[in-house]
Amino acid sequence: MIERIVRLTFIPEKQDDFLDLFWSSCDAIRAMEGCLELRLLRDIKYPNQFTTHSRWESEASLQAYRNSELFRETWAKTKVMFAARPEAWSYEHVTETD
C-alpha cells in the first residue's frame, strides 16, 4: 500500500477556486482503480495551505492515476493557482496497524 501526501500552497484569493475544483474532482479520483482513500486537510495557521492525503493499492495504481487524463486536466487547472511550489511524498507501509 502507498500513502501519498502532497502539500499545496495557493494564492490566498484562489483557495476557494481550488476547493471548488477539489469537490468537483474528488469522486472521480476516488473512483480510480486502486484508490483506497482521498482526504483534504487545511492548515490551521495558514488557511491557503492544503494537504492531500491519498492511499493507493500499489505504486502502479498511483502512477496510473498520475498518467490519466483526469490527473492531467485537474493538475493543469490547479497549478495556475499556486503561490509556492508543491511538495509531494510517497510512502510504503512498513508496519501494519491493529
PDB file of N, CA and C in Angstrom:
ATOM      1  N   MET A   1       0.847  -1.175   0.000  1.00  0.00           N
ATOM      2  CA  MET A   1       0.000   0.000   0.000  1.00  0.00           C
ATOM      3  C   MET A   1       0.894   1.240   0.000  1.00  0.00           C
ATOM      4  N   ILE A   2       0.452   2.253  -0.724  1.00  0.00           N
ATOM      5  CA  ILE A   2       1.183   3.511  -0.850  1.00  0.00           C
ATOM      6  C   ILE A   2       0.364   4.630  -0.223  1.00  0.00           C
ATOM      7  N   GLU A   3       1.016   5.459   0.568  1.00  0.00           N
ATOM      8  CA  GLU A   3       0.415   6.678   1.113  1.00  0.00           C
ATOM      9  C   GLU A   3       1.056   7.843   0.362  1.00  0.00           C
ATOM     10  N   ARG A   4       0.242   8.710  -0.170  1.00  0.00           N
ATOM     11  CA  ARG A   4       0.733   9.865  -0.939  1.00  0.00           C
ATOM     12  C   ARG A   4       0.287  11.132  -0.217  1.00  0.00           C
ATOM     13  N   ILE A   5       1.246  11.987   0.079  1.00  0.00           N
ATOM     14  CA  ILE A   5       0.978  13.249   0.755  1.00  0.00           C
ATOM     15  C   ILE A   5       1.504  14.368  -0.127  1.00  0.00           C
ATOM     16  N   VAL A   6       0.631  15.330  -0.420  1.00  0.00           N
ATOM     17  CA  VAL A   6       1.017  16.456  -1.274  1.00  0.00           C
ATOM     18  C   VAL A   6       0.602  17.749  -0.574  1.00  0.00           C
ATOM     19  N   ARG A   7       1.577  18.624  -0.339  1.00  0.00           N
ATOM     20  CA  ARG A   7       1.286  19.918   0.278  1.00  0.00           C
ATOM     21  C   ARG A   7       1.203  20.978  -0.821  1.00  0.00           C
ATOM     22  N   LEU A   8       0.110  21.721  -0.784  1.00  0.00           N
ATOM     23  CA  LEU A   8      -0.195  22.714  -1.813  1.00  0.00           C
ATOM     24  C   LEU A   8      -0.446  24.067  -1.155  1.00  0.00           C
ATOM     25  N   THR A   9       0.253  25.087  -1.604  1.00  0.00           N
ATOM     26  CA  THR A   9       0.051  26.437  -1.091  1.00  0.00           C
ATOM     27  C   THR A   9      -0.498  27.285  -2.223  1.00  0.00           C
ATOM     28  N   PHE A  10      -1.659  27.880  -1.974  1.00  0.00           N
ATOM     29  CA  PHE A  10      -2.364  28.622  -3.010  1.00  0.00           C
ATOM     30  C   PHE A  10      -2.302  30.122  -2.784  1.00  0.00           C
ATOM     31  N   ILE A  11      -2.414  30.851  -3.880  1.00  0.00           N
ATOM     32  CA  ILE A  11      -2.623  32.287  -3.794  1.00  0.00           C
ATOM     33  C   ILE A  11      -3.884  32.463  -2.946  1.00  0.00           C
ATOM     34  N   PRO A  12      -3.836  33.298  -1.898  1.00  0.00           N
ATOM     35  CA  PRO A  12      -4.991  33.378  -0.997  1.00  0.00           C
ATOM     36  C   PRO A  12      -6.329  33.608  -1.704  1.00  0.00           C
ATOM     37  N   GLU A  13      -6.340  34.421  -2.728  1.00  0.00           N
ATOM     38  CA  GLU A  13      -7.587  34.699  -3.445  1.00  0.00           C
ATOM     39  C   GLU A  13      -8.077  33.507  -4.267  1.00  0.00           C
ATOM     40  N   LYS A  14      -7.251  32.485  -4.419  1.00  0.00           N
ATOM     41  CA  LYS A  14      -7.594  31.318  -5.241  1.00  0.00           C
ATOM     42  C   LYS A  14      -8.002  30.096  -4.425  1.00  0.00           C
ATOM     43  N   GLN A  15      -7.946  30.183  -3.093  1.00  0.00           N
ATOM     44  CA  GLN A  15      -8.221  28.990  -2.300  1.00  0.00           C
ATOM     45  C   GLN A  15      -9.656  28.496  -2.460  1.00  0.00           C
ATOM     46  N   ASP A  16     -10.613  29.383  -2.621  1.00  0.00           N
ATOM     47  CA  ASP A  16     -11.994  28.936  -2.852  1.00  0.00           C
ATOM     48  C   ASP A  16     -12.145  28.288  -4.223  1.00  0.00           C
ATOM     49  N   ASP A  17     -11.410  28.811  -5.214  1.00  0.00           N
ATOM     50  CA  ASP A  17     -11.419  28.183  -6.545  1.00  0.00           C
ATOM     51  C   ASP A  17     -10.852  26.767  -6.464  1.00  0.00           C
ATOM     52  N   PHE A  18      -9.787  26.615  -5.684  1.00  0.00           N
ATOM     53  CA  PHE A  18      -9.219  25.276  -5.511  1.00  0.00           C
ATOM     54  C   PHE A  18     -10.228  24.339  -4.851  1.00  0.00           C
ATOM     55  N   LEU A  19     -10.888  24.817  -3.809  1.00  0.00           N
ATOM     56  CA  LEU A  19     -11.873  23.967  -3.133  1.00  0.00           C
ATOM     57  C   LEU A  19     -12.990  23.550  -4.086  1.00  0.00           C
ATOM     58  N   ASP A  20     -13.455  24.460  -4.920  1.00  0.00           N
ATOM     59  CA  ASP A  20     -14.471  24.109  -5.918  1.00  0.00           C
ATOM     60  C   ASP A  20     -13.954  23.019  -6.843  1.00  0.00           C
ATOM     61  N   LEU A  21     -12.713  23.170  -7.300  1.00  0.00           N
ATOM     62  CA  LEU A  21     -12.118  22.173  -8.191  1.00  0.00           C
ATOM     63  C   LEU A  21     -11.954  20.839  -7.474  1.00  0.00           C
ATOM     64  N   PHE A  22     -11.502  20.867  -6.236  1.00  0.00           N
ATOM     65  CA  PHE A  22     -11.331  19.620  -5.488  1.00  0.00           C
ATOM     66  C   PHE A  22     -12.664  18.900  -5.348  1.00  0.00           C
ATOM     67  N   TRP A  23     -13.701  19.613  -4.911  1.00  0.00           N
ATOM     68  CA  TRP A  23     -15.004  18.965  -4.704  1.00  0.00           C
ATOM     69  C   TRP A  23     -15.584  18.438  -6.008  1.00  0.00           C
ATOM     70  N   SER A  24     -15.289  19.102  -7.111  1.00  0.00           N
ATOM     71  CA  SER A  24     -15.817  18.612  -8.391  1.00  0.00           C
ATOM     72  C   SER A  24     -15.014  17.429  -8.945  1.00  0.00           C
ATOM     73  N   SER A  25     -13.817  17.200  -8.420  1.00  0.00           N
ATOM     74  CA  SER A  25     -12.946  16.130  -8.928  1.00  0.00           C
ATOM     75  C   SER A  25     -12.801  14.944  -7.987  1.00  0.00           C
ATOM     76  N   CYS A  26     -13.076  15.128  -6.698  1.00  0.00           N
ATOM     77  CA  CYS A  26     -12.704  14.103  -5.718  1.00  0.00           C
ATOM     78  C   CYS A  26     -13.411  12.768  -5.933  1.00  0.00           C
ATOM     79  N   ASP A  27     -14.668  12.775  -6.343  1.00  0.00           N
ATOM     80  CA  ASP A  27     -15.353  11.489  -6.555  1.00  0.00           C
ATOM     81  C   ASP A  27     -14.720  10.708  -7.703  1.00  0.00           C
ATOM     82  N   ALA A  28     -14.321  11.409  -8.757  1.00  0.00           N
ATOM     83  CA  ALA A  28     -13.677  10.732  -9.888  1.00  0.00           C
ATOM     84  C   ALA A  28     -12.303  10.191  -9.491  1.00  0.00           C
ATOM     85  N   ILE A  29     -11.578  10.947  -8.666  1.00  0.00           N
ATOM     86  CA  ILE A  29     -10.275  10.459  -8.198  1.00  0.00           C
ATOM     87  C   ILE A  29     -10.474   9.226  -7.322  1.00  0.00           C
ATOM     88  N   ARG A  30     -11.426   9.301  -6.400  1.00  0.00           N
ATOM     89  CA  ARG A  30     -11.699   8.155  -5.520  1.00  0.00           C
ATOM     90  C   ARG A  30     -12.142   6.926  -6.305  1.00  0.00           C
ATOM     91  N   ALA A  31     -12.738   7.131  -7.464  1.00  0.00           N
ATOM     92  CA  ALA A  31     -13.213   6.023  -8.292  1.00  0.00           C
ATOM     93  C   ALA A  31     -12.098   5.403  -9.143  1.00  0.00           C
ATOM     94  N   MET A  32     -10.924   6.023  -9.161  1.00  0.00           N
ATOM     95  CA  MET A  32      -9.824   5.462  -9.947  1.00  0.00           C
ATOM     96  C   MET A  32      -9.441   4.100  -9.384  1.00  0.00           C
ATOM     97  N   GLU A  33      -9.132   3.188 -10.276  1.00  0.00           N
ATOM     98  CA  GLU A  33      -8.733   1.850  -9.849  1.00  0.00           C
ATOM     99  C   GLU A  33      -7.517   1.940  -8.933  1.00  0.00           C
ATOM    100  N   GLY A  34      -7.623   1.324  -7.769  1.00  0.00           N
ATOM    101  CA  GLY A  34      -6.507   1.300  -6.836  1.00  0.00           C
ATOM    102  C   GLY A  34      -6.528   2.404  -5.796  1.00  0.00           C
ATOM    103  N   CYS A  35      -7.408   3.393  -5.935  1.00  0.00           N
ATOM    104  CA  CYS A  35      -7.510   4.441  -4.920  1.00  0.00           C
ATOM    105  C   CYS A  35      -8.346   3.918  -3.761  1.00  0.00           C
ATOM    106  N   LEU A  36      -7.752   3.912  -2.593  1.00  0.00           N
ATOM    107  CA  LEU A  36      -8.426   3.406  -1.405  1.00  0.00           C
ATOM    108  C   LEU A  36      -9.011   4.527  -0.553  1.00  0.00           C
ATOM    109  N   GLU A  37      -8.419   5.717  -0.656  1.00  0.00           N
ATOM    110  CA  GLU A  37      -8.866   6.830   0.183  1.00  0.00           C
ATOM    111  C   GLU A  37      -8.286   8.135  -0.353  1.00  0.00           C
ATOM    112  N   LEU A  38      -9.047   9.203  -0.199  1.00  0.00           N
ATOM    113  CA  LEU A  38      -8.570  10.542  -0.548  1.00  0.00           C
ATOM    114  C   LEU A  38      -9.129  11.511   0.476  1.00  0.00           C
ATOM    115  N   ARG A  39      -8.239  12.268   1.097  1.00  0.00           N
ATOM    116  CA  ARG A  39      -8.637  13.269   2.091  1.00  0.00           C
ATOM    117  C   ARG A  39      -7.982  14.597   1.755  1.00  0.00           C
ATOM    118  N   LEU A  40      -8.652  15.658   2.162  1.00  0.00           N
ATOM    119  CA  LEU A  40      -8.104  17.002   2.016  1.00  0.00           C
ATOM    120  C   LEU A  40      -8.022  17.623   3.398  1.00  0.00           C
ATOM    121  N   LEU A  41      -6.855  18.142   3.729  1.00  0.00           N
ATOM    122  CA  LEU A  41      -6.619  18.789   5.011  1.00  0.00           C
ATOM    123  C   LEU A  41      -6.253  20.253   4.757  1.00  0.00           C
ATOM    124  N   ARG A  42      -6.656  21.124   5.682  1.00  0.00           N
ATOM    125  CA  ARG A  42      -6.309  22.543   5.586  1.00  0.00           C
ATOM    126  C   ARG A  42      -5.506  22.921   6.828  1.00  0.00           C
ATOM    127  N   ASP A  43      -4.424  23.639   6.616  1.00  0.00           N
ATOM    128  CA  ASP A  43      -3.584  24.088   7.715  1.00  0.00           C
ATOM    129  C   ASP A  43      -4.355  25.056   8.607  1.00  0.00           C
ATOM    130  N   ILE A  44      -4.258  24.875   9.911  1.00  0.00           N
ATOM    131  CA  ILE A  44      -4.974  25.719  10.861  1.00  0.00           C
ATOM    132  C   ILE A  44      -4.423  27.152  10.853  1.00  0.00           C
ATOM    133  N   LYS A  45      -3.122  27.262  10.766  1.00  0.00           N
ATOM    134  CA  LYS A  45      -2.477  28.569  10.847  1.00  0.00           C
ATOM    135  C   LYS A  45      -2.458  29.300   9.498  1.00  0.00           C
ATOM    136  N   TYR A  46      -2.340  28.560   8.418  1.00  0.00           N
ATOM    137  CA  TYR A  46      -2.231  29.136   7.073  1.00  0.00           C
ATOM    138  C   TYR A  46      -3.363  28.580   6.207  1.00  0.00           C
ATOM    139  N   PRO A  47      -4.511  29.229   6.176  1.00  0.00           N
ATOM    140  CA  PRO A  47      -5.692  28.661   5.511  1.00  0.00           C
ATOM    141  C   PRO A  47      -5.576  28.519   3.986  1.00  0.00           C
ATOM    142  N   ASN A  48      -4.535  29.073   3.396  1.00  0.00           N
ATOM    143  CA  ASN A  48      -4.334  28.881   1.955  1.00  0.00           C
ATOM    144  C   ASN A  48      -3.403  27.697   1.673  1.00  0.00           C
ATOM    145  N   GLN A  49      -3.041  26.957   2.725  1.00  0.00           N
ATOM    146  CA  GLN A  49      -2.176  25.792   2.564  1.00  0.00           C
ATOM    147  C   GLN A  49      -2.995  24.528   2.848  1.00  0.00           C
ATOM    148  N   PHE A  50      -2.979  23.618   1.880  1.00  0.00           N
ATOM    149  CA  PHE A  50      -3.743  22.373   1.961  1.00  0.00           C
ATOM    150  C   PHE A  50      -2.792  21.190   1.804  1.00  0.00           C
ATOM    151  N   THR A  51      -3.255  20.049   2.299  1.00  0.00           N
ATOM    152  CA  THR A  51      -2.529  18.806   2.095  1.00  0.00           C
ATOM    153  C   THR A  51      -3.524  17.760   1.624  1.00  0.00           C
ATOM    154  N   THR A  52      -3.180  17.087   0.537  1.00  0.00           N
ATOM    155  CA  THR A  52      -3.975  15.938   0.135  1.00  0.00           C
ATOM    156  C   THR A  52      -3.281  14.696   0.674  1.00  0.00           C
ATOM    157  N   HIS A  53      -4.086  13.776   1.154  1.00  0.00           N
ATOM    158  CA  HIS A  53      -3.577  12.506   1.651  1.00  0.00           C
ATOM    159  C   HIS A  53      -4.377  11.420   0.947  1.00  0.00           C
ATOM    160  N   SER A  54      -3.690  10.611   0.179  1.00  0.00           N
ATOM    161  CA  SER A  54      -4.372   9.526  -0.521  1.00  0.00           C
ATOM    162  C   SER A  54      -3.656   8.215  -0.242  1.00  0.00           C
ATOM    163  N   ARG A  55      -4.431   7.147  -0.323  1.00  0.00           N
ATOM    164  CA  ARG A  55      -3.905   5.787  -0.164  1.00  0.00           C
ATOM    165  C   ARG A  55      -4.203   5.025  -1.436  1.00  0.00           C
ATOM    166  N   TRP A  56      -3.210   4.274  -1.897  1.00  0.00           N
ATOM    167  CA  TRP A  56      -3.300   3.522  -3.146  1.00  0.00           C
ATOM    168  C   TRP A  56      -2.885   2.089  -2.911  1.00  0.00           C
ATOM    169  N   GLU A  57      -3.490   1.181  -3.647  1.00  0.00           N
ATOM    170  CA  GLU A  57      -3.163  -0.239  -3.518  1.00  0.00           C
ATOM    171  C   GLU A  57      -1.689  -0.504  -3.806  1.00  0.00           C
ATOM    172  N   SER A  58      -1.141   0.233  -4.776  1.00  0.00           N
ATOM    173  CA  SER A  58       0.243  -0.003  -5.182  1.00  0.00           C
ATOM    174  C   SER A  58       0.796   1.252  -5.845  1.00  0.00           C
ATOM    175  N   GLU A  59       2.094   1.265  -6.019  1.00  0.00           N
ATOM    176  CA  GLU A  59       2.721   2.379  -6.744  1.00  0.00           C
ATOM    177  C   GLU A  59       2.224   2.401  -8.193  1.00  0.00           C
ATOM    178  N   ALA A  60       1.968   1.234  -8.744  1.00  0.00           N
ATOM    179  CA  ALA A  60       1.462   1.160 -10.129  1.00  0.00           C
ATOM    180  C   ALA A  60       0.096   1.830 -10.242  1.00  0.00           C
ATOM    181  N   SER A  61      -0.773   1.646  -9.250  1.00  0.00           N
ATOM    182  CA  SER A  61      -2.086   2.297  -9.316  1.00  0.00           C
ATOM    183  C   SER A  61      -1.960   3.804  -9.152  1.00  0.00           C
ATOM    184  N   LEU A  62      -1.049   4.263  -8.293  1.00  0.00           N
ATOM    185  CA  LEU A  62      -0.800   5.704  -8.170  1.00  0.00           C
ATOM    186  C   LEU A  62      -0.278   6.262  -9.490  1.00  0.00           C
ATOM    187  N   GLN A  63       0.667   5.563 -10.111  1.00  0.00           N
ATOM    188  CA  GLN A  63       1.229   6.042 -11.376  1.00  0.00           C
ATOM    189  C   GLN A  63       0.187   6.034 -12.496  1.00  0.00           C
ATOM    190  N   ALA A  64      -0.692   5.049 -12.488  1.00  0.00           N
ATOM    191  CA  ALA A  64      -1.765   5.018 -13.493  1.00  0.00           C
ATOM    192  C   ALA A  64      -2.646   6.248 -13.349  1.00  0.00           C
ATOM    193  N   TYR A  65      -2.967   6.628 -12.116  1.00  0.00           N
ATOM    194  CA  TYR A  65      -3.730   7.858 -11.895  1.00  0.00           C
ATOM    195  C   TYR A  65      -2.941   9.072 -12.371  1.00  0.00           C
ATOM    196  N   ARG A  66      -1.663   9.151 -12.024  1.00  0.00           N
ATOM    197  CA  ARG A  66      -0.849  10.313 -12.405  1.00  0.00           C
ATOM    198  C   ARG A  66      -0.668  10.413 -13.918  1.00  0.00           C
ATOM    199  N   ASN A  67      -0.836   9.308 -14.636  1.00  0.00           N
ATOM    200  CA  ASN A  67      -0.745   9.309 -16.096  1.00  0.00           C
ATOM    201  C   ASN A  67      -2.102   9.451 -16.773  1.00  0.00           C
ATOM    202  N   SER A  68      -3.152   9.599 -15.982  1.00  0.00           N
ATOM    203  CA  SER A  68      -4.506   9.646 -16.545  1.00  0.00           C
ATOM    204  C   SER A  68      -4.880  11.038 -17.048  1.00  0.00           C
ATOM    205  N   GLU A  69      -5.869  11.062 -17.909  1.00  0.00           N
ATOM    206  CA  GLU A  69      -6.414  12.322 -18.401  1.00  0.00           C
ATOM    207  C   GLU A  69      -7.022  13.124 -17.252  1.00  0.00           C
ATOM    208  N   LEU A  70      -7.652  12.448 -16.310  1.00  0.00           N
ATOM    209  CA  LEU A  70      -8.230  13.120 -15.146  1.00  0.00           C
ATOM    210  C   LEU A  70      -7.166  13.906 -14.394  1.00  0.00           C
ATOM    211  N   PHE A  71      -6.028  13.276 -14.135  1.00  0.00           N
ATOM    212  CA  PHE A  71      -4.949  13.975 -13.430  1.00  0.00           C
ATOM    213  C   PHE A  71      -4.437  15.144 -14.257  1.00  0.00           C
ATOM    214  N   ARG A  72      -4.176  14.923 -15.530  1.00  0.00           N
ATOM    215  CA  ARG A  72      -3.638  15.994 -16.381  1.00  0.00           C
ATOM    216  C   ARG A  72      -4.567  17.203 -16.401  1.00  0.00           C
ATOM    217  N   GLU A  73      -5.859  16.965 -16.554  1.00  0.00           N
ATOM    218  CA  GLU A  73      -6.818  18.069 -16.600  1.00  0.00           C
ATOM    219  C   GLU A  73      -6.911  18.780 -15.248  1.00  0.00           C
ATOM    220  N   THR A  74      -6.981  18.015 -14.182  1.00  0.00           N
ATOM    221  CA  THR A  74      -7.111  18.603 -12.848  1.00  0.00           C
ATOM    222  C   THR A  74      -5.844  19.361 -12.466  1.00  0.00           C
ATOM    223  N   TRP A  75      -4.690  18.780 -12.749  1.00  0.00           N
ATOM    224  CA  TRP A  75      -3.425  19.420 -12.404  1.00  0.00           C
ATOM    225  C   TRP A  75      -3.230  20.710 -13.189  1.00  0.00           C
ATOM    226  N   ALA A  76      -3.601  20.719 -14.446  1.00  0.00           N
ATOM    227  CA  ALA A  76      -3.473  21.936 -15.260  1.00  0.00           C
ATOM    228  C   ALA A  76      -4.282  23.085 -14.664  1.00  0.00           C
ATOM    229  N   LYS A  77      -5.466  22.781 -14.160  1.00  0.00           N
ATOM    230  CA  LYS A  77      -6.311  23.808 -13.544  1.00  0.00           C
ATOM    231  C   LYS A  77      -5.791  24.211 -12.167  1.00  0.00           C
ATOM    232  N   THR A  78      -5.163  23.268 -11.465  1.00  0.00           N
ATOM    233  CA  THR A  78      -4.687  23.518 -10.104  1.00  0.00           C
ATOM    234  C   THR A  78      -3.408  24.328 -10.089  1.00  0.00           C
ATOM    235  N   LYS A  79      -2.454  23.991 -10.923  1.00  0.00           N
ATOM    236  CA  LYS A  79      -1.119  24.583 -10.814  1.00  0.00           C
ATOM    237  C   LYS A  79      -1.083  26.082 -11.092  1.00  0.00           C
ATOM    238  N   VAL A  80      -2.060  26.609 -11.791  1.00  0.00           N
ATOM    239  CA  VAL A  80      -2.075  28.061 -12.045  1.00  0.00           C
ATOM    240  C   VAL A  80      -2.483  28.844 -10.795  1.00  0.00           C
ATOM    241  N   MET A  81      -2.924  28.148  -9.755  1.00  0.00           N
ATOM    242  CA  MET A  81      -3.357  28.800  -8.518  1.00  0.00           C
ATOM    243  C   MET A  81      -2.291  28.776  -7.423  1.00  0.00           C
ATOM    244  N   PHE A  82      -1.142  28.163  -7.688  1.00  0.00           N
ATOM    245  CA  PHE A  82      -0.119  28.002  -6.654  1.00  0.00           C
ATOM    246  C   PHE A  82       0.570  29.313  -6.298  1.00  0.00           C
ATOM    247  N   ALA A  83       0.825  29.478  -4.998  1.00  0.00           N
ATOM    248  CA  ALA A  83       1.648  30.575  -4.503  1.00  0.00           C
ATOM    249  C   ALA A  83       3.073  30.091  -4.240  1.00  0.00           C
ATOM    250  N   ALA A  84       3.240  28.776  -4.154  1.00  0.00           N
ATOM    251  CA  ALA A  84       4.555  28.165  -3.914  1.00  0.00           C
ATOM    252  C   ALA A  84       4.581  26.808  -4.597  1.00  0.00           C
ATOM    253  N   ARG A  85       5.771  26.336  -4.818  1.00  0.00           N
ATOM    254  CA  ARG A  85       5.937  25.026  -5.451  1.00  0.00           C
ATOM    255  C   ARG A  85       5.355  23.934  -4.547  1.00  0.00           C
ATOM    256  N   PRO A  86       4.568  23.022  -5.104  1.00  0.00           N
ATOM    257  CA  PRO A  86       4.016  21.937  -4.279  1.00  0.00           C
ATOM    258  C   PRO A  86       5.119  20.965  -3.857  1.00  0.00           C
ATOM    259  N   GLU A  87       4.863  20.289  -2.751  1.00  0.00           N
ATOM    260  CA  GLU A  87       5.786  19.277  -2.252  1.00  0.00           C
ATOM    261  C   GLU A  87       5.019  17.974  -2.138  1.00  0.00           C
ATOM    262  N   ALA A  88       5.648  16.869  -2.525  1.00  0.00           N
ATOM    263  CA  ALA A  88       4.958  15.581  -2.519  1.00  0.00           C
ATOM    264  C   ALA A  88       5.876  14.492  -1.991  1.00  0.00           C
ATOM    265  N   TRP A  89       5.250  13.554  -1.262  1.00  0.00           N
ATOM    266  CA  TRP A  89       5.955  12.418  -0.706  1.00  0.00           C
ATOM    267  C   TRP A  89       5.108  11.169  -0.915  1.00  0.00           C
ATOM    268  N   SER A  90       5.768  10.070  -1.195  1.00  0.00           N
ATOM    269  CA  SER A  90       5.095   8.770  -1.280  1.00  0.00           C
ATOM    270  C   SER A  90       5.766   7.837  -0.288  1.00  0.00           C
ATOM    271  N   TYR A  91       4.934   7.110   0.459  1.00  0.00           N
ATOM    272  CA  TYR A  91       5.427   6.196   1.485  1.00  0.00           C
ATOM    273  C   TYR A  91       4.810   4.826   1.287  1.00  0.00           C
ATOM    274  N   GLU A  92       5.578   3.799   1.632  1.00  0.00           N
ATOM    275  CA  GLU A  92       5.015   2.464   1.679  1.00  0.00           C
ATOM    276  C   GLU A  92       4.899   2.050   3.143  1.00  0.00           C
ATOM    277  N   HIS A  93       3.971   1.200   3.439  1.00  0.00           N
ATOM    278  CA  HIS A  93       3.764   0.749   4.809  1.00  0.00           C
ATOM    279  C   HIS A  93       4.863  -0.221   5.203  1.00  0.00           C
ATOM    280  N   VAL A  94       5.430   0.019   6.362  1.00  0.00           N
ATOM    281  CA  VAL A  94       6.435  -0.871   6.915  1.00  0.00           C
ATOM    282  C   VAL A  94       5.819  -1.734   7.999  1.00  0.00           C
ATOM    283  N   THR A  95       4.884  -1.158   8.735  1.00  0.00           N
ATOM    284  CA  THR A  95       4.183  -1.901   9.782  1.00  0.00           C
ATOM    285  C   THR A  95       2.703  -1.858   9.503  1.00  0.00           C
ATOM    286  N   GLU A  96       2.007  -2.796  10.052  1.00  0.00           N
ATOM    287  CA  GLU A  96       0.546  -2.839   9.950  1.00  0.00           C
ATOM    288  C   GLU A  96      -0.045  -2.253  11.223  1.00  0.00           C
ATOM    289  N   THR A  97      -1.230  -1.667  11.108  1.00  0.00           N
ATOM    290  CA  THR A  97      -1.906  -1.156  12.290  1.00  0.00           C
ATOM    291  C   THR A  97      -2.874  -2.212  12.817  1.00  0.00           C
ATOM    292  N   ASP A  98      -3.196  -2.132  14.061  1.00  0.00           N
ATOM    293  CA  ASP A  98      -4.137  -3.081  14.662  1.00  0.00           C
ATOM    294  C   ASP A  98      -5.551  -2.598  14.464  1.00  0.00           C
TER     295      ASP A  98
END
